[in-house]
Amino acid sequence: MATEETVSGFLFERYPEEGIDKPYHSVRNCTFRNQTFSDCQFRSMQLSDVRFVNCDLSNISLAESALHRTEFISCKLVGTNLSETTLNHVLFSDCNASYINLSMSKTNQVRFANSQLLNGSFNNCRLTSTAFESCELTESDFSHTSLRGIDLRTSRINGISLNINDLRGAIIGSLQAMDLLPLLGVIIKD
């Protein structure tokens, strides 16, 4: 039986993290600053009280992981796989997270602020107390994800994919309503 390896209380600032592939890996009370992660597989990882500042986590997999009190500040998360992940009290601020995959994830107290989430995959997610503030959500997929109570007014949502029933209770601006009319099959002609 494999034992869980835990890293706790470290500041990582100098060397890139490459080739990390540990099935039972836990990181607690750590800060990663100016790191580039490549060829890493963090599947089923536990992150608690962790900060990533100006890091590149593009195309790595954190699938089936649990993130608690974790922050991504000014990070590059292009194509990062967070599918089937539990996120509690997580912040994504000023990140480039285009093509991020959060399919089938559960979020609670998650805030996306000033981030690029173009073509992101949020399908089959459970979003609880989740905020999108000044985000670029263009052409993101929210199919089978309830947006009830989610405030999208400050974000760009043109071209998003979703089921009409999932839109019930979402908070949008009047101009955004025009972006959503094609979902109703409405054709607008002047």
N, C-alpha and C. Protein backbone atom coordinates (compact mmCIF):
# COMPACT_ATOMS: atom_id res chain seq x y z
N MET A 1 0.85 -1.18 0.00
CA MET A 1 0.00 0.00 0.00
C MET A 1 0.89 1.24 0.00
N ALA A 2 0.58 2.20 -0.86
CA ALA A 2 1.37 3.43 -0.94
C ALA A 2 1.07 4.32 0.25
N THR A 3 2.08 5.02 0.73
CA THR A 3 1.87 5.96 1.81
C THR A 3 1.81 7.37 1.24
N GLU A 4 1.08 8.23 1.93
CA GLU A 4 0.92 9.59 1.45
C GLU A 4 2.17 10.40 1.77
N GLU A 5 2.67 11.10 0.77
CA GLU A 5 3.81 11.97 0.97
C GLU A 5 3.29 13.39 1.11
N THR A 6 3.71 14.09 2.18
CA THR A 6 3.23 15.44 2.46
C THR A 6 4.39 16.42 2.44
N VAL A 7 4.16 17.56 1.77
CA VAL A 7 5.11 18.66 1.78
C VAL A 7 4.42 19.78 2.53
N SER A 8 5.08 20.36 3.52
CA SER A 8 4.43 21.37 4.35
C SER A 8 5.40 22.49 4.73
N GLY A 9 4.90 23.72 4.70
CA GLY A 9 5.62 24.87 5.21
C GLY A 9 6.82 25.34 4.40
N PHE A 10 6.79 25.19 3.08
CA PHE A 10 7.93 25.58 2.25
C PHE A 10 7.57 26.75 1.33
N LEU A 11 8.60 27.50 0.97
CA LEU A 11 8.51 28.53 -0.06
C LEU A 11 9.37 28.06 -1.21
N PHE A 12 8.75 27.87 -2.38
CA PHE A 12 9.47 27.42 -3.58
C PHE A 12 9.60 28.62 -4.51
N GLU A 13 10.85 29.06 -4.76
CA GLU A 13 11.05 30.24 -5.59
C GLU A 13 12.02 30.08 -6.73
N ARG A 14 12.85 29.08 -6.73
CA ARG A 14 13.96 29.08 -7.68
C ARG A 14 13.89 28.08 -8.80
N TYR A 15 13.58 26.85 -8.52
CA TYR A 15 13.74 25.80 -9.52
C TYR A 15 12.39 25.35 -10.06
N PRO A 16 12.33 25.10 -11.34
CA PRO A 16 11.07 24.61 -11.91
C PRO A 16 10.78 23.20 -11.41
N GLU A 17 9.50 22.93 -11.24
CA GLU A 17 9.07 21.61 -10.81
C GLU A 17 8.74 20.80 -12.05
N GLU A 18 9.51 19.77 -12.32
CA GLU A 18 9.28 18.96 -13.51
C GLU A 18 9.13 17.50 -13.14
N GLY A 19 8.27 16.84 -13.85
CA GLY A 19 8.15 15.40 -13.74
C GLY A 19 7.61 14.88 -12.42
N ILE A 20 6.82 15.68 -11.71
CA ILE A 20 6.25 15.20 -10.46
C ILE A 20 5.05 14.34 -10.78
N ASP A 21 5.04 13.12 -10.30
CA ASP A 21 3.94 12.20 -10.56
C ASP A 21 3.78 11.29 -9.35
N LYS A 22 3.07 11.77 -8.35
CA LYS A 22 2.86 11.00 -7.13
C LYS A 22 1.35 10.84 -6.93
N PRO A 23 0.85 9.60 -6.88
CA PRO A 23 -0.58 9.39 -6.79
C PRO A 23 -1.20 9.85 -5.47
N TYR A 24 -0.44 9.87 -4.38
CA TYR A 24 -0.97 10.31 -3.09
C TYR A 24 -0.06 11.42 -2.57
N HIS A 25 -0.29 12.62 -3.07
CA HIS A 25 0.59 13.74 -2.77
C HIS A 25 -0.21 14.83 -2.07
N SER A 26 0.31 15.37 -1.00
CA SER A 26 -0.36 16.42 -0.24
C SER A 26 0.59 17.59 -0.05
N VAL A 27 0.09 18.80 -0.29
CA VAL A 27 0.88 20.01 -0.08
C VAL A 27 0.09 20.91 0.85
N ARG A 28 0.74 21.36 1.93
CA ARG A 28 0.08 22.20 2.93
C ARG A 28 0.98 23.39 3.28
N ASN A 29 0.34 24.53 3.47
CA ASN A 29 1.04 25.74 3.95
C ASN A 29 2.29 26.04 3.14
N CYS A 30 2.18 26.02 1.82
CA CYS A 30 3.34 26.29 0.95
C CYS A 30 3.01 27.43 0.00
N THR A 31 4.05 28.11 -0.46
CA THR A 31 3.93 29.13 -1.49
C THR A 31 4.87 28.77 -2.63
N PHE A 32 4.33 28.82 -3.84
CA PHE A 32 5.13 28.61 -5.06
C PHE A 32 5.16 29.96 -5.77
N ARG A 33 6.35 30.49 -6.00
CA ARG A 33 6.47 31.79 -6.63
C ARG A 33 7.38 31.68 -7.84
N ASN A 34 6.91 32.18 -8.99
CA ASN A 34 7.69 32.20 -10.24
C ASN A 34 8.14 30.81 -10.66
N GLN A 35 7.29 29.82 -10.48
CA GLN A 35 7.60 28.44 -10.84
C GLN A 35 6.96 28.07 -12.17
N THR A 36 7.61 27.21 -12.91
CA THR A 36 7.04 26.63 -14.12
C THR A 36 6.91 25.14 -13.87
N PHE A 37 5.69 24.66 -13.96
CA PHE A 37 5.43 23.23 -13.79
C PHE A 37 5.25 22.63 -15.18
N SER A 38 6.03 21.60 -15.49
CA SER A 38 5.88 20.96 -16.79
C SER A 38 5.95 19.45 -16.60
N ASP A 39 5.20 18.76 -17.42
CA ASP A 39 5.15 17.29 -17.37
C ASP A 39 4.76 16.77 -15.99
N CYS A 40 3.93 17.54 -15.27
CA CYS A 40 3.53 17.13 -13.93
C CYS A 40 2.13 16.51 -13.96
N GLN A 41 1.94 15.50 -13.15
CA GLN A 41 0.64 14.88 -12.95
C GLN A 41 0.36 14.89 -11.45
N PHE A 42 -0.57 15.73 -11.04
CA PHE A 42 -0.92 15.84 -9.63
C PHE A 42 -2.27 15.20 -9.36
N ARG A 43 -2.61 14.15 -10.06
CA ARG A 43 -3.92 13.51 -9.92
C ARG A 43 -4.16 13.11 -8.46
N SER A 44 -5.37 13.36 -8.00
CA SER A 44 -5.80 13.02 -6.63
C SER A 44 -4.93 13.67 -5.57
N MET A 45 -4.55 14.90 -5.80
CA MET A 45 -3.68 15.63 -4.88
C MET A 45 -4.51 16.44 -3.88
N GLN A 46 -3.98 16.64 -2.70
CA GLN A 46 -4.59 17.48 -1.68
C GLN A 46 -3.76 18.75 -1.53
N LEU A 47 -4.40 19.92 -1.76
CA LEU A 47 -3.72 21.20 -1.56
C LEU A 47 -4.49 21.97 -0.50
N SER A 48 -3.80 22.35 0.56
CA SER A 48 -4.43 23.13 1.64
C SER A 48 -3.53 24.30 2.01
N ASP A 49 -4.13 25.51 2.03
CA ASP A 49 -3.40 26.72 2.39
C ASP A 49 -2.16 26.90 1.52
N VAL A 50 -2.38 26.83 0.20
CA VAL A 50 -1.28 26.92 -0.77
C VAL A 50 -1.49 28.15 -1.64
N ARG A 51 -0.40 28.85 -1.96
CA ARG A 51 -0.43 30.01 -2.85
C ARG A 51 0.48 29.75 -4.04
N PHE A 52 -0.05 30.03 -5.23
CA PHE A 52 0.73 30.01 -6.46
C PHE A 52 0.77 31.45 -6.95
N VAL A 53 1.95 32.05 -7.02
CA VAL A 53 2.07 33.44 -7.45
C VAL A 53 2.97 33.48 -8.67
N ASN A 54 2.41 34.00 -9.77
CA ASN A 54 3.15 34.13 -11.03
C ASN A 54 3.76 32.80 -11.47
N CYS A 55 2.97 31.76 -11.40
CA CYS A 55 3.43 30.42 -11.81
C CYS A 55 2.79 30.02 -13.12
N ASP A 56 3.43 29.11 -13.82
CA ASP A 56 2.89 28.54 -15.06
C ASP A 56 2.54 27.08 -14.79
N LEU A 57 1.23 26.82 -14.75
CA LEU A 57 0.71 25.47 -14.53
C LEU A 57 -0.03 24.99 -15.78
N SER A 58 0.34 25.51 -16.93
CA SER A 58 -0.35 25.18 -18.18
C SER A 58 -0.25 23.70 -18.50
N ASN A 59 -1.38 23.14 -18.91
CA ASN A 59 -1.49 21.76 -19.40
C ASN A 59 -1.13 20.69 -18.37
N ILE A 60 -1.09 21.03 -17.09
CA ILE A 60 -0.87 19.97 -16.10
C ILE A 60 -2.22 19.45 -15.63
N SER A 61 -2.22 18.31 -15.01
CA SER A 61 -3.46 17.71 -14.52
C SER A 61 -3.50 17.71 -13.01
N LEU A 62 -4.58 18.30 -12.49
CA LEU A 62 -4.91 18.23 -11.07
C LEU A 62 -6.25 17.52 -10.93
N ALA A 63 -6.57 16.66 -11.87
CA ALA A 63 -7.87 15.97 -11.89
C ALA A 63 -8.08 15.19 -10.59
N GLU A 64 -9.32 15.16 -10.16
CA GLU A 64 -9.75 14.39 -8.99
C GLU A 64 -9.01 14.81 -7.72
N SER A 65 -8.64 16.08 -7.64
CA SER A 65 -7.92 16.60 -6.48
C SER A 65 -8.86 17.36 -5.56
N ALA A 66 -8.33 17.80 -4.43
CA ALA A 66 -9.07 18.63 -3.49
C ALA A 66 -8.22 19.85 -3.16
N LEU A 67 -8.76 21.04 -3.43
CA LEU A 67 -8.06 22.29 -3.16
C LEU A 67 -8.82 23.05 -2.09
N HIS A 68 -8.17 23.35 -0.99
CA HIS A 68 -8.77 24.07 0.12
C HIS A 68 -7.92 25.29 0.45
N ARG A 69 -8.57 26.46 0.50
CA ARG A 69 -7.87 27.71 0.82
C ARG A 69 -6.61 27.85 -0.04
N THR A 70 -6.82 27.76 -1.34
CA THR A 70 -5.72 27.83 -2.31
C THR A 70 -5.91 29.06 -3.18
N GLU A 71 -4.81 29.74 -3.50
CA GLU A 71 -4.85 30.93 -4.34
C GLU A 71 -3.94 30.78 -5.55
N PHE A 72 -4.46 31.23 -6.70
CA PHE A 72 -3.69 31.32 -7.93
C PHE A 72 -3.66 32.80 -8.29
N ILE A 73 -2.53 33.45 -8.13
CA ILE A 73 -2.41 34.89 -8.36
C ILE A 73 -1.49 35.11 -9.56
N SER A 74 -2.00 35.78 -10.60
CA SER A 74 -1.22 36.09 -11.81
C SER A 74 -0.55 34.85 -12.39
N CYS A 75 -1.31 33.77 -12.45
CA CYS A 75 -0.78 32.50 -12.95
C CYS A 75 -1.25 32.22 -14.37
N LYS A 76 -0.49 31.39 -15.06
CA LYS A 76 -0.87 30.90 -16.38
C LYS A 76 -1.38 29.48 -16.18
N LEU A 77 -2.66 29.27 -16.50
CA LEU A 77 -3.33 27.98 -16.30
C LEU A 77 -3.96 27.52 -17.61
N VAL A 78 -3.33 27.80 -18.73
CA VAL A 78 -3.89 27.47 -20.03
C VAL A 78 -3.96 25.95 -20.19
N GLY A 79 -5.17 25.44 -20.37
CA GLY A 79 -5.35 24.00 -20.57
C GLY A 79 -5.20 23.16 -19.31
N THR A 80 -5.15 23.78 -18.15
CA THR A 80 -5.00 23.03 -16.90
C THR A 80 -6.25 22.18 -16.65
N ASN A 81 -6.05 20.94 -16.27
CA ASN A 81 -7.14 19.99 -16.05
C ASN A 81 -7.46 19.91 -14.55
N LEU A 82 -8.62 20.45 -14.18
CA LEU A 82 -9.12 20.38 -12.81
C LEU A 82 -10.44 19.61 -12.78
N SER A 83 -10.62 18.69 -13.72
CA SER A 83 -11.88 17.95 -13.79
C SER A 83 -12.06 17.08 -12.55
N GLU A 84 -13.32 16.95 -12.15
CA GLU A 84 -13.70 16.12 -11.01
C GLU A 84 -12.94 16.52 -9.73
N THR A 85 -12.70 17.82 -9.59
CA THR A 85 -11.96 18.35 -8.46
C THR A 85 -12.90 19.07 -7.51
N THR A 86 -12.60 19.03 -6.23
CA THR A 86 -13.34 19.78 -5.23
C THR A 86 -12.53 21.02 -4.88
N LEU A 87 -13.17 22.19 -5.01
CA LEU A 87 -12.50 23.45 -4.71
C LEU A 87 -13.28 24.18 -3.62
N ASN A 88 -12.66 24.40 -2.48
CA ASN A 88 -13.26 25.12 -1.36
C ASN A 88 -12.41 26.32 -0.99
N HIS A 89 -13.02 27.51 -1.00
CA HIS A 89 -12.31 28.74 -0.66
C HIS A 89 -11.07 28.91 -1.53
N VAL A 90 -11.29 28.96 -2.84
CA VAL A 90 -10.20 29.08 -3.81
C VAL A 90 -10.34 30.39 -4.56
N LEU A 91 -9.22 31.04 -4.83
CA LEU A 91 -9.18 32.30 -5.56
C LEU A 91 -8.32 32.14 -6.81
N PHE A 92 -8.88 32.59 -7.95
CA PHE A 92 -8.14 32.71 -9.20
C PHE A 92 -8.16 34.20 -9.53
N SER A 93 -7.04 34.90 -9.41
CA SER A 93 -7.01 36.34 -9.64
C SER A 93 -5.96 36.69 -10.68
N ASP A 94 -6.39 37.45 -11.69
CA ASP A 94 -5.50 37.92 -12.75
C ASP A 94 -4.78 36.76 -13.44
N CYS A 95 -5.52 35.71 -13.72
CA CYS A 95 -4.94 34.51 -14.34
C CYS A 95 -5.33 34.39 -15.82
N ASN A 96 -4.45 33.79 -16.60
CA ASN A 96 -4.78 33.39 -17.95
C ASN A 96 -5.10 31.90 -17.87
N ALA A 97 -6.40 31.59 -17.84
CA ALA A 97 -6.86 30.21 -17.68
C ALA A 97 -7.72 29.79 -18.87
N SER A 98 -7.34 30.23 -20.05
CA SER A 98 -8.06 29.80 -21.25
C SER A 98 -7.96 28.29 -21.37
N TYR A 99 -9.04 27.69 -21.82
CA TYR A 99 -9.13 26.23 -22.02
C TYR A 99 -9.00 25.44 -20.71
N ILE A 100 -9.24 26.07 -19.58
CA ILE A 100 -9.21 25.36 -18.31
C ILE A 100 -10.35 24.34 -18.28
N ASN A 101 -10.13 23.19 -17.68
CA ASN A 101 -11.14 22.14 -17.62
C ASN A 101 -11.55 21.92 -16.17
N LEU A 102 -12.78 22.35 -15.84
CA LEU A 102 -13.35 22.15 -14.51
C LEU A 102 -14.57 21.24 -14.58
N SER A 103 -14.68 20.45 -15.63
CA SER A 103 -15.83 19.56 -15.81
C SER A 103 -16.03 18.68 -14.59
N MET A 104 -17.28 18.54 -14.19
CA MET A 104 -17.69 17.66 -13.10
C MET A 104 -17.04 18.01 -11.76
N SER A 105 -16.63 19.27 -11.60
CA SER A 105 -16.03 19.71 -10.34
C SER A 105 -17.10 20.28 -9.42
N LYS A 106 -16.76 20.38 -8.15
CA LYS A 106 -17.63 20.98 -7.15
C LYS A 106 -16.90 22.17 -6.56
N THR A 107 -17.54 23.34 -6.63
CA THR A 107 -16.92 24.55 -6.10
C THR A 107 -17.76 25.11 -4.96
N ASN A 108 -17.08 25.62 -3.96
CA ASN A 108 -17.73 26.29 -2.84
C ASN A 108 -16.84 27.45 -2.42
N GLN A 109 -17.41 28.66 -2.42
CA GLN A 109 -16.65 29.86 -2.08
C GLN A 109 -15.44 30.01 -2.99
N VAL A 110 -15.68 29.94 -4.30
CA VAL A 110 -14.61 30.10 -5.29
C VAL A 110 -14.82 31.43 -6.00
N ARG A 111 -13.74 32.18 -6.18
CA ARG A 111 -13.81 33.48 -6.82
C ARG A 111 -12.84 33.54 -7.98
N PHE A 112 -13.38 33.84 -9.16
CA PHE A 112 -12.59 34.08 -10.36
C PHE A 112 -12.61 35.59 -10.58
N ALA A 113 -11.47 36.26 -10.49
CA ALA A 113 -11.43 37.72 -10.62
C ALA A 113 -10.43 38.13 -11.70
N ASN A 114 -10.89 38.99 -12.61
CA ASN A 114 -10.03 39.55 -13.66
C ASN A 114 -9.23 38.47 -14.38
N SER A 115 -9.90 37.38 -14.73
CA SER A 115 -9.20 36.25 -15.34
C SER A 115 -9.75 35.91 -16.71
N GLN A 116 -8.86 35.40 -17.56
CA GLN A 116 -9.22 34.93 -18.89
C GLN A 116 -9.62 33.46 -18.78
N LEU A 117 -10.88 33.16 -19.06
CA LEU A 117 -11.39 31.79 -19.00
C LEU A 117 -11.99 31.40 -20.35
N LEU A 118 -11.45 31.95 -21.42
CA LEU A 118 -11.94 31.67 -22.77
C LEU A 118 -11.96 30.18 -23.04
N ASN A 119 -13.03 29.70 -23.64
CA ASN A 119 -13.16 28.29 -24.02
C ASN A 119 -13.00 27.34 -22.84
N GLY A 120 -13.29 27.82 -21.64
CA GLY A 120 -13.20 26.96 -20.47
C GLY A 120 -14.32 25.94 -20.45
N SER A 121 -14.09 24.84 -19.78
CA SER A 121 -15.09 23.78 -19.66
C SER A 121 -15.57 23.71 -18.21
N PHE A 122 -16.82 24.15 -18.01
CA PHE A 122 -17.46 24.15 -16.70
C PHE A 122 -18.69 23.24 -16.73
N ASN A 123 -18.72 22.29 -17.64
CA ASN A 123 -19.92 21.46 -17.78
C ASN A 123 -20.04 20.47 -16.63
N ASN A 124 -21.29 20.23 -16.26
CA ASN A 124 -21.61 19.29 -15.16
C ASN A 124 -20.96 19.69 -13.84
N CYS A 125 -20.81 20.98 -13.58
CA CYS A 125 -20.23 21.46 -12.33
C CYS A 125 -21.34 21.77 -11.32
N ARG A 126 -20.98 21.74 -10.06
CA ARG A 126 -21.87 22.23 -9.01
C ARG A 126 -21.19 23.47 -8.44
N LEU A 127 -21.76 24.65 -8.76
CA LEU A 127 -21.19 25.92 -8.35
C LEU A 127 -21.97 26.46 -7.14
N THR A 128 -21.33 26.50 -5.99
CA THR A 128 -21.95 27.03 -4.78
C THR A 128 -21.15 28.25 -4.34
N SER A 129 -21.83 29.38 -4.17
CA SER A 129 -21.17 30.62 -3.76
C SER A 129 -19.93 30.88 -4.60
N THR A 130 -20.10 30.81 -5.91
CA THR A 130 -19.01 31.01 -6.86
C THR A 130 -19.20 32.36 -7.55
N ALA A 131 -18.12 33.13 -7.67
CA ALA A 131 -18.19 34.46 -8.27
C ALA A 131 -17.28 34.56 -9.48
N PHE A 132 -17.81 35.21 -10.52
CA PHE A 132 -17.04 35.54 -11.71
C PHE A 132 -17.03 37.06 -11.79
N GLU A 133 -15.90 37.69 -11.49
CA GLU A 133 -15.80 39.15 -11.48
C GLU A 133 -14.86 39.61 -12.58
N SER A 134 -15.39 40.33 -13.55
CA SER A 134 -14.60 40.87 -14.66
C SER A 134 -13.79 39.78 -15.35
N CYS A 135 -14.45 38.70 -15.69
CA CYS A 135 -13.79 37.58 -16.36
C CYS A 135 -14.19 37.50 -17.82
N GLU A 136 -13.34 36.90 -18.60
CA GLU A 136 -13.58 36.64 -20.02
C GLU A 136 -14.02 35.18 -20.13
N LEU A 137 -15.34 34.97 -20.30
CA LEU A 137 -15.91 33.63 -20.38
C LEU A 137 -16.35 33.27 -21.80
N THR A 138 -15.89 34.02 -22.78
CA THR A 138 -16.29 33.82 -24.16
C THR A 138 -16.09 32.36 -24.58
N GLU A 139 -17.15 31.80 -25.18
CA GLU A 139 -17.18 30.44 -25.72
C GLU A 139 -16.88 29.35 -24.69
N SER A 140 -17.12 29.64 -23.42
CA SER A 140 -16.97 28.61 -22.39
C SER A 140 -18.21 27.72 -22.37
N ASP A 141 -18.04 26.50 -21.89
CA ASP A 141 -19.12 25.52 -21.86
C ASP A 141 -19.63 25.34 -20.43
N PHE A 142 -20.89 25.74 -20.20
CA PHE A 142 -21.55 25.59 -18.91
C PHE A 142 -22.71 24.60 -19.01
N SER A 143 -22.66 23.69 -19.95
CA SER A 143 -23.75 22.72 -20.14
C SER A 143 -23.95 21.90 -18.87
N HIS A 144 -25.22 21.76 -18.50
CA HIS A 144 -25.61 20.96 -17.33
C HIS A 144 -25.01 21.49 -16.03
N THR A 145 -24.80 22.82 -15.97
CA THR A 145 -24.30 23.48 -14.76
C THR A 145 -25.28 24.60 -14.40
N SER A 146 -25.92 24.49 -13.27
CA SER A 146 -26.87 25.52 -12.85
C SER A 146 -26.14 26.82 -12.53
N LEU A 147 -26.62 27.91 -13.12
CA LEU A 147 -26.04 29.22 -12.86
C LEU A 147 -26.94 30.04 -11.91
N ARG A 148 -27.84 29.38 -11.24
CA ARG A 148 -28.74 30.05 -10.29
C ARG A 148 -27.92 30.79 -9.23
N GLY A 149 -28.18 32.11 -9.14
CA GLY A 149 -27.49 32.94 -8.15
C GLY A 149 -26.10 33.38 -8.56
N ILE A 150 -25.62 32.97 -9.72
CA ILE A 150 -24.29 33.36 -10.18
C ILE A 150 -24.39 34.70 -10.90
N ASP A 151 -23.62 35.68 -10.46
CA ASP A 151 -23.63 37.02 -11.03
C ASP A 151 -22.59 37.10 -12.14
N LEU A 152 -23.07 37.25 -13.36
CA LEU A 152 -22.19 37.31 -14.53
C LEU A 152 -22.11 38.72 -15.13
N ARG A 153 -22.71 39.71 -14.48
CA ARG A 153 -22.85 41.05 -15.06
C ARG A 153 -21.53 41.71 -15.45
N THR A 154 -20.45 41.45 -14.76
CA THR A 154 -19.19 42.14 -15.08
C THR A 154 -18.29 41.32 -16.02
N SER A 155 -18.79 40.17 -16.43
CA SER A 155 -17.99 39.28 -17.27
C SER A 155 -18.52 39.24 -18.70
N ARG A 156 -17.64 38.90 -19.64
CA ARG A 156 -18.04 38.71 -21.04
C ARG A 156 -18.48 37.27 -21.22
N ILE A 157 -19.71 37.09 -21.75
CA ILE A 157 -20.28 35.75 -21.86
C ILE A 157 -20.69 35.39 -23.28
N ASN A 158 -20.30 36.18 -24.25
CA ASN A 158 -20.75 35.89 -25.61
C ASN A 158 -20.22 34.53 -26.09
N GLY A 159 -21.11 33.80 -26.72
CA GLY A 159 -20.75 32.50 -27.27
C GLY A 159 -20.71 31.36 -26.27
N ILE A 160 -21.16 31.58 -25.03
CA ILE A 160 -21.11 30.47 -24.07
C ILE A 160 -22.14 29.40 -24.46
N SER A 161 -21.84 28.18 -24.06
CA SER A 161 -22.74 27.05 -24.31
C SER A 161 -23.37 26.65 -22.99
N LEU A 162 -24.68 26.49 -23.01
CA LEU A 162 -25.39 26.03 -21.83
C LEU A 162 -26.79 25.59 -22.22
N ASN A 163 -27.43 24.91 -21.31
CA ASN A 163 -28.83 24.54 -21.50
C ASN A 163 -29.69 25.65 -20.91
N ILE A 164 -30.77 25.97 -21.57
CA ILE A 164 -31.63 27.06 -21.14
C ILE A 164 -32.05 26.91 -19.68
N ASN A 165 -32.36 25.70 -19.24
CA ASN A 165 -32.77 25.49 -17.85
C ASN A 165 -31.66 25.84 -16.86
N ASP A 166 -30.42 25.69 -17.27
CA ASP A 166 -29.29 26.01 -16.39
C ASP A 166 -29.11 27.50 -16.20
N LEU A 167 -29.72 28.29 -17.07
CA LEU A 167 -29.61 29.75 -17.01
C LEU A 167 -30.58 30.36 -16.00
N ARG A 168 -31.60 29.62 -15.61
CA ARG A 168 -32.60 30.14 -14.67
C ARG A 168 -31.94 30.62 -13.38
N GLY A 169 -32.26 31.87 -13.02
CA GLY A 169 -31.76 32.43 -11.77
C GLY A 169 -30.38 33.05 -11.87
N ALA A 170 -29.75 33.00 -13.05
CA ALA A 170 -28.45 33.67 -13.23
C ALA A 170 -28.68 35.18 -13.25
N ILE A 171 -27.69 35.93 -12.81
CA ILE A 171 -27.78 37.38 -12.79
C ILE A 171 -26.94 37.91 -13.95
N ILE A 172 -27.62 38.57 -14.91
CA ILE A 172 -26.94 39.10 -16.09
C ILE A 172 -27.38 40.53 -16.34
N GLY A 173 -26.60 41.26 -17.15
CA GLY A 173 -26.95 42.61 -17.54
C GLY A 173 -27.80 42.60 -18.81
N SER A 174 -28.44 43.73 -19.09
CA SER A 174 -29.34 43.81 -20.25
C SER A 174 -28.59 43.58 -21.56
N LEU A 175 -27.37 44.04 -21.69
CA LEU A 175 -26.61 43.81 -22.92
C LEU A 175 -26.23 42.34 -23.07
N GLN A 176 -25.99 41.67 -21.95
CA GLN A 176 -25.67 40.24 -22.00
C GLN A 176 -26.87 39.41 -22.46
N ALA A 177 -28.06 39.91 -22.19
CA ALA A 177 -29.26 39.19 -22.63
C ALA A 177 -29.26 39.02 -24.14
N MET A 178 -28.72 40.00 -24.85
CA MET A 178 -28.62 39.91 -26.31
C MET A 178 -27.70 38.76 -26.71
N ASP A 179 -26.64 38.54 -25.96
CA ASP A 179 -25.71 37.44 -26.26
C ASP A 179 -26.37 36.09 -26.06
N LEU A 180 -27.38 36.03 -25.20
CA LEU A 180 -28.01 34.76 -24.85
C LEU A 180 -29.24 34.44 -25.70
N LEU A 181 -29.74 35.40 -26.46
CA LEU A 181 -30.92 35.17 -27.29
C LEU A 181 -30.76 34.02 -28.29
N PRO A 182 -29.60 33.84 -28.90
CA PRO A 182 -29.46 32.69 -29.83
C PRO A 182 -29.72 31.34 -29.16
N LEU A 183 -29.51 31.26 -27.84
CA LEU A 183 -29.78 30.01 -27.14
C LEU A 183 -31.26 29.68 -27.14
N LEU A 184 -32.09 30.71 -27.30
CA LEU A 184 -33.54 30.51 -27.37
C LEU A 184 -34.02 30.22 -28.79
N GLY A 185 -33.09 30.23 -29.72
CA GLY A 185 -33.46 30.02 -31.11
C GLY A 185 -34.02 31.27 -31.77
N VAL A 186 -33.81 32.41 -31.14
CA VAL A 186 -34.33 33.68 -31.65
C VAL A 186 -33.37 34.22 -32.71
N ILE A 187 -33.94 34.71 -33.80
CA ILE A 187 -33.17 35.35 -34.85
C ILE A 187 -33.53 36.83 -34.83
N ILE A 188 -32.55 37.68 -34.66
CA ILE A 188 -32.78 39.12 -34.58
C ILE A 188 -32.42 39.74 -35.93
N LYS A 189 -33.41 40.47 -36.50
CA LYS A 189 -33.17 41.19 -37.76
C LYS A 189 -33.70 42.60 -37.60
N ASP A 190 -32.95 43.57 -38.10
CA ASP A 190 -33.38 44.96 -38.06
C ASP A 190 -33.80 45.41 -39.44
